[in-house]
Every structure is written in C-alpha cells, then in structure tokens.
C-alpha cells in the first residue's frame, strides 16, 4: 500500500455564493481550519462587507483567477447543478450545500462526472457532525443503549418574513427540501441503513398551493424498526429547532439542538421522590436515560452550525490527504435526496412509497 504524500500547503477553497449561509456558517467554519485558506468568493451582488479575500462577479472568473483545490457551492438549490459541474470540469473538488440537486438525474450526472474527473463532491450534511448526534451514534449497539428500535424527530419553527427571505420564501417545497433532508439523513445515519418504505402527509390547510409548512413522515426500516418525523412550521409558538428521541433495547437517548438554561425542582411521578436539576447548554445537548436516571453524554458550542460544518470539512480534508472516500459524498447523499423526493411523491399519491436499496 502506497501512503499518499503529506500535504504541507493549505488547501485553497473558493466560495460560490456569499449569502447568509456563507457568512454565518461556512466562512466561520473554514477559518477554524489551519489546513484551509479562502482564496476568493463569487457573487454577482455581494453584501457590502469586508470579507478579507478577493471578490469576483461570477464563478468562471473566480476559477481562472484563483485555481482553487475546492469550490464551496453556497447558492440556492436551483443553481447547484451548473455550478458544481463547472467546478468539477475546472479540476476542483466540491463542497455543496444541501439540498444537493433538484432531481435524481442531476445528482447522478454530477456523481458520474466526479468519478470521471477523479474528484469528490461532498454535501454539507453537517447535522451528522454535531457532537450530540455523533455521540448518540457511537452509543447505538453498546451495552448502555442496545439496539435502536424507534427514532422520533420533532421540530416546531415560528415562520416570519425574516425566515422566508431569498429562495426559501419562493419555494413551494419549502420545509421538506430545506430541512426535511437533514432529518431524513439523520435517520439513515442512526439506523445505519436506508428505509424500506416511507409515507408522508403535508397538510396545507387553507393554502393548498402554498409551502409545505407541515411534514408528517413515517419511515420503516428492516427488523420492524420505525422512525417518525414531525416538522411543524404552522406553529405560532416558540422554536424547538430539533428534538430527537432514540429508543434502544436498553436505554434512551434524547438530543436537543439549541441553547438552554433552566433550574427545575419537584416530585417525580411514581417514585414520589423530590428532585432538583439544573441545566446550562449553549448550542445543544444529549442525555442518555435509563428510566428516571440520566447523564449528559455530549454538548455543542454556541456556534454549533459552524462547528459541525468545520468538522465535516476537516473530515473531507482528511480524506483528500489519505486518498480515501470522504463522508457525505455524492453517492451517499443521493440516497438522502431520494428519500426527500419520495416524501413529496408519497404526499401526492396519498400512500406509502416502497424503496429499493441499491
């Protein structure tokens, strides 16, 4: 076995798109990594800000001027196909925001081009790289948790004009495409396989042609194991960005994305024992439960989105260094994309969609 040479120079990365995702997640994430240097950004109408790197009006100009090792495609989903293809044809690897591609045909075309050019495409499914979800994944199959039997993922989200800016406010397939794909990808991650069937309802109430602000999904896995996903953006209450409960044969894991500070006291039902509990977390927390007893197994920092993205990009660079397949690659992510598209198909047909593993 030949060991790849150690790379001493930082990888050069250029950004296609300088919108909110770039400014709030990707640039902070990339600046955490000494092995990475941002060499430019392309945006036809960049925000009025000092980015600290060269700006270009379009991708082609940026590619010629910077010759990046990696291009990060951080634009609306409808633009991904052309930008990813152009980046691969220029000889760069690609980090692409989710959702990966609008269609399976485009996803397969991009994956084939990447193989043909000996390049990699990685999709930013950074929820896998949050500390709380990574630790939960590590405990599945252990003596403390046992085998995963049931997963429940819940979101309540207060929609406002501020949350619906840009492509999100114009997209009819809003919730399933923008966030549902994260939830579906996490189900694949936790169960370690693709589901065999999926059913989804997207009631739209008094706005039948409007966005899918309510997603109710049921997933069936092998061994009579199941998952339930509720994404509720009809809610006029407070955010619960993502709560997950994983039920194992021995224990239960609960994760929560979002900060929390609370002190609670009372009497436990059943045992009638008094309790006093305090909790302070910045970005997220995960607890392992056995009955009424629990212990904290992981937490995330306040910048958990940038922190998790940084972890995924670091793993991408490790794969490039070692000549191995990176995580969250195009071939893997097309399976999560297929689930998201199947959810809309199920809603339209009113029944279960059978899924064949490839």
Protein backbone atom coordinates (compact mmCIF):
# COMPACT_ATOMS: atom_id res chain seq x y z
CA UNK A 1 0.00 0.00 0.00
CA UNK A 2 1.40 3.39 -1.02
CA UNK A 3 0.98 6.15 1.54
CA UNK A 4 -0.05 9.46 -0.07
CA UNK A 5 2.48 12.25 0.42
CA UNK A 6 1.81 14.63 3.31
CA UNK A 7 0.40 17.92 2.03
CA UNK A 8 2.18 20.88 3.60
CA UNK A 9 0.41 23.76 1.87
CA UNK A 10 -3.16 24.64 2.93
CA UNK A 11 -5.93 23.61 0.57
CA UNK A 12 -7.24 26.55 -1.44
CA UNK A 13 -11.01 26.96 -1.30
CA UNK A 14 -13.18 29.42 -3.23
CA UNK A 15 -16.80 30.24 -2.43
CA UNK A 16 -19.60 30.39 -4.99
CA UNK A 17 -22.21 32.49 -3.22
CA UNK A 18 -21.74 34.95 -0.35
CA UNK A 19 -25.20 34.88 1.17
CA UNK A 20 -26.29 34.13 4.70
CA UNK A 21 -25.07 30.52 4.72
CA UNK A 22 -21.61 31.63 3.61
CA UNK A 23 -21.35 34.49 6.11
CA UNK A 24 -22.86 32.80 9.16
CA UNK A 25 -21.78 29.18 8.73
CA UNK A 26 -19.15 28.43 6.09
CA UNK A 27 -16.68 31.29 6.45
CA UNK A 28 -16.53 30.93 10.28
CA UNK A 29 -16.24 27.14 9.85
CA UNK A 30 -13.40 27.38 7.34
CA UNK A 31 -11.48 29.88 9.42
CA UNK A 32 -11.27 27.30 12.19
CA UNK A 33 -9.07 25.10 9.96
CA UNK A 34 -5.37 25.87 9.51
CA UNK A 35 -5.26 23.46 6.55
CA UNK A 36 -7.67 25.61 4.55
CA UNK A 37 -7.32 29.06 3.00
CA UNK A 38 -10.16 31.01 1.41
CA UNK A 39 -8.82 32.46 -1.84
CA UNK A 40 -11.92 34.12 -3.27
CA UNK A 41 -15.66 34.49 -3.41
CA UNK A 42 -18.01 34.86 -6.38
CA UNK A 43 -21.33 36.68 -6.16
CA UNK A 44 -22.97 38.98 -8.73
CA UNK A 45 -24.27 41.18 -5.88
CA UNK A 46 -22.03 40.63 -2.83
CA UNK A 47 -23.03 42.12 0.50
CA UNK A 48 -21.27 45.32 1.49
CA UNK A 49 -18.75 43.76 3.84
CA UNK A 50 -15.01 43.26 4.22
CA UNK A 51 -14.57 39.55 3.61
CA UNK A 52 -10.78 39.56 3.70
CA UNK A 53 -10.45 37.79 0.35
CA UNK A 54 -10.85 38.69 -3.32
CA UNK A 55 -14.36 39.03 -4.76
CA UNK A 56 -15.40 38.13 -8.30
CA UNK A 57 -18.61 38.71 -10.29
CA UNK A 58 -19.02 35.09 -11.40
CA UNK A 59 -17.69 31.57 -10.94
CA UNK A 60 -15.77 31.37 -14.23
CA UNK A 61 -13.75 34.50 -13.45
CA UNK A 62 -13.01 33.26 -9.95
CA UNK A 63 -11.91 29.82 -11.16
CA UNK A 64 -9.46 31.34 -13.64
CA UNK A 65 -8.01 33.80 -11.13
CA UNK A 66 -7.73 31.58 -8.04
CA UNK A 67 -7.29 27.99 -9.31
CA UNK A 68 -8.85 26.52 -6.14
CA UNK A 69 -8.45 22.96 -4.91
CA UNK A 70 -12.07 23.04 -3.64
CA UNK A 71 -15.11 25.10 -4.56
CA UNK A 72 -17.88 25.57 -1.99
CA UNK A 73 -21.24 25.96 -3.74
CA UNK A 74 -23.37 28.00 -1.33
CA UNK A 75 -26.12 29.25 -3.63
CA UNK A 76 -29.86 28.43 -3.96
CA UNK A 77 -30.58 24.79 -4.93
CA UNK A 78 -31.71 25.56 -8.49
CA UNK A 79 -28.19 26.80 -9.32
CA UNK A 80 -26.26 23.85 -7.86
CA UNK A 81 -26.12 21.67 -10.97
CA UNK A 82 -24.39 24.13 -13.29
CA UNK A 83 -22.02 25.46 -10.61
CA UNK A 84 -20.95 22.02 -9.42
CA UNK A 85 -20.38 20.79 -12.97
CA UNK A 86 -18.32 23.86 -13.87
CA UNK A 87 -16.20 23.44 -10.74
CA UNK A 88 -15.54 19.75 -11.44
CA UNK A 89 -14.67 20.50 -15.07
CA UNK A 90 -12.16 23.08 -13.82
CA UNK A 91 -10.44 20.35 -11.80
CA UNK A 92 -11.70 21.28 -8.32
CA UNK A 93 -13.30 19.14 -5.64
CA UNK A 94 -16.68 20.47 -4.44
CA UNK A 95 -18.39 21.13 -1.12
CA UNK A 96 -22.08 21.68 -1.91
CA UNK A 97 -24.82 22.99 0.34
CA UNK A 98 -27.95 20.90 0.72
CA UNK A 99 -30.31 20.04 -0.83
CA UNK A 100 -27.77 18.54 -3.20
CA UNK A 101 -29.63 18.70 -6.53
CA UNK A 102 -33.23 19.37 -7.62
CA UNK A 103 -33.54 15.96 -9.33
CA UNK A 104 -32.07 12.46 -9.13
CA UNK A 105 -30.97 12.72 -12.77
CA UNK A 106 -28.85 15.76 -11.99
CA UNK A 107 -27.43 14.09 -8.87
CA UNK A 108 -26.43 11.02 -10.88
CA UNK A 109 -24.92 13.17 -13.64
CA UNK A 110 -22.78 15.10 -11.16
CA UNK A 111 -21.68 11.92 -9.37
CA UNK A 112 -20.65 10.38 -12.70
CA UNK A 113 -18.70 13.49 -13.70
CA UNK A 114 -16.90 13.50 -10.35
CA UNK A 115 -15.86 9.87 -10.86
CA UNK A 116 -14.75 10.61 -14.41
CA UNK A 117 -12.60 13.54 -13.25
CA UNK A 118 -11.29 11.70 -10.15
CA UNK A 119 -12.75 14.41 -7.95
CA UNK A 120 -15.03 14.35 -4.92
CA UNK A 121 -18.32 16.09 -4.19
CA UNK A 122 -19.31 16.39 -0.52
CA UNK A 123 -22.73 17.64 0.61
CA UNK A 124 -22.92 19.70 3.79
CA UNK A 125 -24.99 17.32 5.93
CA UNK A 126 -23.37 18.88 8.99
CA UNK A 127 -26.00 17.60 11.45
CA UNK A 128 -24.10 14.29 11.46
CA UNK A 129 -21.09 16.22 12.76
CA UNK A 130 -22.77 17.86 15.73
CA UNK A 131 -21.23 16.47 18.91
CA UNK A 132 -24.61 15.39 20.25
CA UNK A 133 -25.52 13.34 17.18
CA UNK A 134 -22.06 11.82 16.77
CA UNK A 135 -22.05 10.66 20.39
CA UNK A 136 -25.58 9.26 20.09
CA UNK A 137 -24.48 7.35 17.00
CA UNK A 138 -21.45 5.94 18.84
CA UNK A 139 -23.65 4.53 21.63
CA UNK A 140 -26.03 2.65 19.33
CA UNK A 141 -25.24 -1.04 19.68
CA UNK A 142 -23.42 -0.69 23.00
CA UNK A 143 -24.34 -2.29 26.33
CA UNK A 144 -25.58 1.09 27.61
CA UNK A 145 -28.09 1.64 24.81
CA UNK A 146 -28.68 -1.63 23.00
CA UNK A 147 -30.15 -1.81 19.51
CA UNK A 148 -32.08 1.10 18.04
CA UNK A 149 -35.79 0.33 17.74
CA UNK A 150 -37.53 3.67 17.23
CA UNK A 151 -36.47 7.22 16.41
CA UNK A 152 -38.61 10.31 16.76
CA UNK A 153 -37.52 13.67 15.33
CA UNK A 154 -39.55 16.83 16.02
CA UNK A 155 -39.29 20.45 15.00
CA UNK A 156 -41.51 23.44 15.74
CA UNK A 157 -40.49 26.58 13.90
CA UNK A 158 -42.01 30.07 14.03
CA UNK A 159 -42.16 31.26 10.42
CA UNK A 160 -41.71 35.00 9.89
CA UNK A 161 -40.78 37.30 6.99
CA UNK A 162 -37.17 37.14 8.20
CA UNK A 163 -37.05 33.32 7.93
CA UNK A 164 -38.58 33.31 4.43
CA UNK A 165 -36.12 35.60 2.68
CA UNK A 166 -34.44 34.60 -0.57
CA UNK A 167 -35.21 31.29 -2.30
CA UNK A 168 -36.87 29.87 0.81
CA UNK A 169 -39.81 32.26 0.59
CA UNK A 170 -40.31 31.43 -3.08
CA UNK A 171 -40.09 27.64 -2.74
CA UNK A 172 -43.35 25.65 -2.60
CA UNK A 173 -41.40 22.57 -1.49
CA UNK A 174 -40.13 24.60 1.44
CA UNK A 175 -39.84 22.54 4.61
CA UNK A 176 -39.09 19.08 3.27
CA UNK A 177 -36.44 20.37 0.89
CA UNK A 178 -34.77 22.87 3.21
CA UNK A 179 -34.87 20.94 6.50
CA UNK A 180 -36.55 17.59 5.96
CA UNK A 181 -33.50 16.33 4.11
CA UNK A 182 -31.44 16.84 7.30
CA UNK A 183 -33.94 14.80 9.32
CA UNK A 184 -34.07 12.03 6.71
CA UNK A 185 -30.27 11.93 6.50
CA UNK A 186 -30.04 11.62 10.30
CA UNK A 187 -32.45 8.66 10.21
CA UNK A 188 -30.16 6.91 7.72
CA UNK A 189 -27.19 7.78 9.93
CA UNK A 190 -28.70 6.42 13.15
CA UNK A 191 -30.23 3.25 11.68
CA UNK A 192 -27.17 2.54 9.54
CA UNK A 193 -29.29 1.71 6.50
CA UNK A 194 -31.90 3.09 4.13
CA UNK A 195 -35.59 2.66 4.99
CA UNK A 196 -37.64 0.12 3.06
CA UNK A 197 -40.77 2.29 2.91
CA UNK A 198 -41.85 5.86 3.57
CA UNK A 199 -45.14 7.66 4.00
CA UNK A 200 -45.59 11.44 4.22
CA UNK A 201 -48.51 13.81 4.69
CA UNK A 202 -48.17 17.54 4.10
CA UNK A 203 -51.50 19.13 5.09
CA UNK A 204 -51.66 22.71 3.81
CA UNK A 205 -54.94 23.83 5.36
CA UNK A 206 -56.37 26.97 3.84
CA UNK A 207 -53.42 27.44 1.48
CA UNK A 208 -53.35 24.35 -0.78
CA UNK A 209 -50.93 25.92 -3.26
CA UNK A 210 -48.62 27.30 -0.59
CA UNK A 211 -45.45 25.93 1.02
CA UNK A 212 -45.39 22.62 2.89
CA UNK A 213 -45.22 24.08 6.39
CA UNK A 214 -46.26 20.77 7.97
CA UNK A 215 -44.47 17.47 7.23
CA UNK A 216 -45.59 14.24 8.91
CA UNK A 217 -43.32 11.36 7.90
CA UNK A 218 -43.20 7.68 8.81
CA UNK A 219 -40.21 5.53 7.85
CA UNK A 220 -39.97 1.74 8.03
CA UNK A 221 -36.61 0.01 8.45
CA UNK A 222 -35.62 -3.64 8.49
CA UNK A 223 -36.43 -5.70 11.56
CA UNK A 224 -39.77 -3.93 12.16
CA UNK A 225 -37.96 -0.77 13.27
CA UNK A 226 -39.52 2.62 12.57
CA UNK A 227 -38.94 6.37 12.65
CA UNK A 228 -41.36 9.28 12.92
CA UNK A 229 -40.58 12.85 11.78
CA UNK A 230 -42.77 15.88 12.52
CA UNK A 231 -41.73 19.22 11.06
CA UNK A 232 -44.25 21.85 12.18
CA UNK A 233 -43.89 25.34 10.75
CA UNK A 234 -47.55 26.16 11.24
CA UNK A 235 -46.71 26.62 14.91
CA UNK A 236 -47.17 30.13 16.30
CA UNK A 237 -45.25 29.19 19.44
CA UNK A 238 -41.55 29.18 20.18
CA UNK A 239 -38.80 27.38 18.28
CA UNK A 240 -37.79 23.84 19.07
CA UNK A 241 -35.26 23.58 16.29
CA UNK A 242 -34.72 19.82 16.52
CA UNK A 243 -35.51 17.38 19.30
CA UNK A 244 -34.66 13.69 18.82
CA UNK A 245 -35.51 10.65 20.91
CA UNK A 246 -33.80 7.36 20.16
CA UNK A 247 -35.33 4.33 21.87
CA UNK A 248 -32.99 1.38 22.31
CA UNK A 249 -33.47 -2.06 23.81
CA UNK A 250 -31.56 -0.96 26.95
CA UNK A 251 -31.58 2.84 27.11
CA UNK A 252 -32.97 6.00 25.56
CA UNK A 253 -31.07 8.97 24.13
CA UNK A 254 -32.59 12.44 23.88
CA UNK A 255 -30.87 15.22 21.94
CA UNK A 256 -31.82 18.87 21.67
CA UNK A 257 -30.45 21.44 19.22
CA UNK A 258 -30.48 24.88 20.81
CA UNK A 259 -29.29 26.61 23.95
CA UNK A 260 -30.92 26.08 27.31
CA UNK A 261 -30.65 27.38 30.86
CA UNK A 262 -33.08 26.17 33.49
CA UNK A 263 -33.44 25.07 37.09
CA UNK A 264 -36.22 22.62 37.93
CA UNK A 265 -37.44 21.02 41.12
CA UNK A 266 -40.42 18.90 42.06
CA UNK A 267 -41.51 15.36 42.87
CA UNK A 268 -41.08 12.50 40.43
CA UNK A 269 -44.22 10.65 39.48
CA UNK A 270 -44.30 7.02 40.55
CA UNK A 271 -41.34 7.18 42.97
CA UNK A 272 -42.64 10.34 44.74
CA UNK A 273 -39.05 11.34 45.33
CA UNK A 274 -38.13 15.02 45.26
CA UNK A 275 -35.63 16.21 42.67
CA UNK A 276 -33.59 19.30 41.89
CA UNK A 277 -32.00 19.70 38.46
CA UNK A 278 -30.04 22.45 36.73
CA UNK A 279 -29.05 22.62 33.09
CA UNK A 280 -26.98 25.11 31.09
CA UNK A 281 -26.05 24.37 27.48
CA UNK A 282 -25.06 26.76 24.71
CA UNK A 283 -25.72 25.05 21.38
CA UNK A 284 -27.07 21.57 22.02
CA UNK A 285 -27.19 18.69 24.48
CA UNK A 286 -27.60 14.92 24.53
CA UNK A 287 -28.61 12.76 27.50
CA UNK A 288 -28.69 9.01 27.99
CA UNK A 289 -31.69 7.84 30.03
CA UNK A 290 -32.39 4.65 31.94
CA UNK A 291 -35.82 5.08 33.46
CA UNK A 292 -35.73 8.29 35.54
CA UNK A 293 -31.93 8.37 35.69
CA UNK A 294 -29.95 10.30 33.11
CA UNK A 295 -26.47 11.53 32.39
CA UNK A 296 -25.15 14.09 29.94
CA UNK A 297 -23.22 12.41 27.12
CA UNK A 298 -22.41 15.36 24.85
CA UNK A 299 -22.95 19.06 24.26
CA UNK A 300 -22.28 21.53 21.45
CA UNK A 301 -20.95 25.10 21.46
CA UNK A 302 -22.98 28.20 20.69
CA UNK A 303 -21.80 28.23 17.06
CA UNK A 304 -22.87 24.62 16.57
CA UNK A 305 -23.69 25.01 12.84
CA UNK A 306 -20.26 26.42 12.02
CA UNK A 307 -18.63 23.98 14.47
CA UNK A 308 -20.32 20.98 12.84
CA UNK A 309 -19.58 22.21 9.32
CA UNK A 310 -15.95 22.66 10.31
CA UNK A 311 -15.88 19.04 11.50
CA UNK A 312 -17.28 17.79 8.20
CA UNK A 313 -14.83 19.89 6.16
CA UNK A 314 -11.94 18.62 8.32
CA UNK A 315 -13.03 15.04 7.56
CA UNK A 316 -13.18 15.97 3.85
CA UNK A 317 -9.58 17.24 4.00
CA UNK A 318 -8.50 14.09 5.87
CA UNK A 319 -9.93 12.00 3.03
CA UNK A 320 -8.12 14.10 0.43
CA UNK A 321 -4.89 13.70 2.40
CA UNK A 322 -5.35 9.94 2.68
CA UNK A 323 -6.75 9.26 -0.78
CA UNK A 324 -9.96 7.81 0.68
CA UNK A 325 -13.66 8.40 0.06
CA UNK A 326 -14.89 11.43 2.04
CA UNK A 327 -18.02 11.31 4.21
CA UNK A 328 -21.35 12.70 2.98
CA UNK A 329 -20.20 12.19 -0.60
CA UNK A 330 -22.41 12.49 -3.66
CA UNK A 331 -23.13 8.77 -3.97
CA UNK A 332 -24.19 8.59 -0.33
CA UNK A 333 -26.15 11.82 -0.31
CA UNK A 334 -28.18 10.89 -3.39
CA UNK A 335 -29.88 8.35 -1.10
CA UNK A 336 -31.00 11.11 1.27
CA UNK A 337 -32.11 13.16 -1.73
CA UNK A 338 -34.13 10.17 -2.96
CA UNK A 339 -35.91 10.00 0.41
CA UNK A 340 -36.79 13.68 0.31
CA UNK A 341 -38.22 13.36 -3.20
CA UNK A 342 -40.08 10.20 -2.15
CA UNK A 343 -41.71 12.17 0.68
CA UNK A 344 -43.28 14.54 -1.83
CA UNK A 345 -44.26 11.61 -4.05
CA UNK A 346 -45.95 9.94 -1.08
CA UNK A 347 -47.90 13.07 -0.22
CA UNK A 348 -49.09 13.45 -3.80
CA UNK A 349 -50.10 9.78 -4.12
CA UNK A 350 -51.58 9.52 -0.62
CA UNK A 351 -49.82 6.27 0.25
CA UNK A 352 -46.60 4.52 1.16
CA UNK A 353 -43.65 4.58 -1.24
CA UNK A 354 -41.61 1.39 -1.34
CA UNK A 355 -37.88 2.00 -1.52
CA UNK A 356 -35.36 -0.37 -3.03
CA UNK A 357 -31.82 -0.27 -1.67
CA UNK A 358 -29.11 -0.20 -4.31
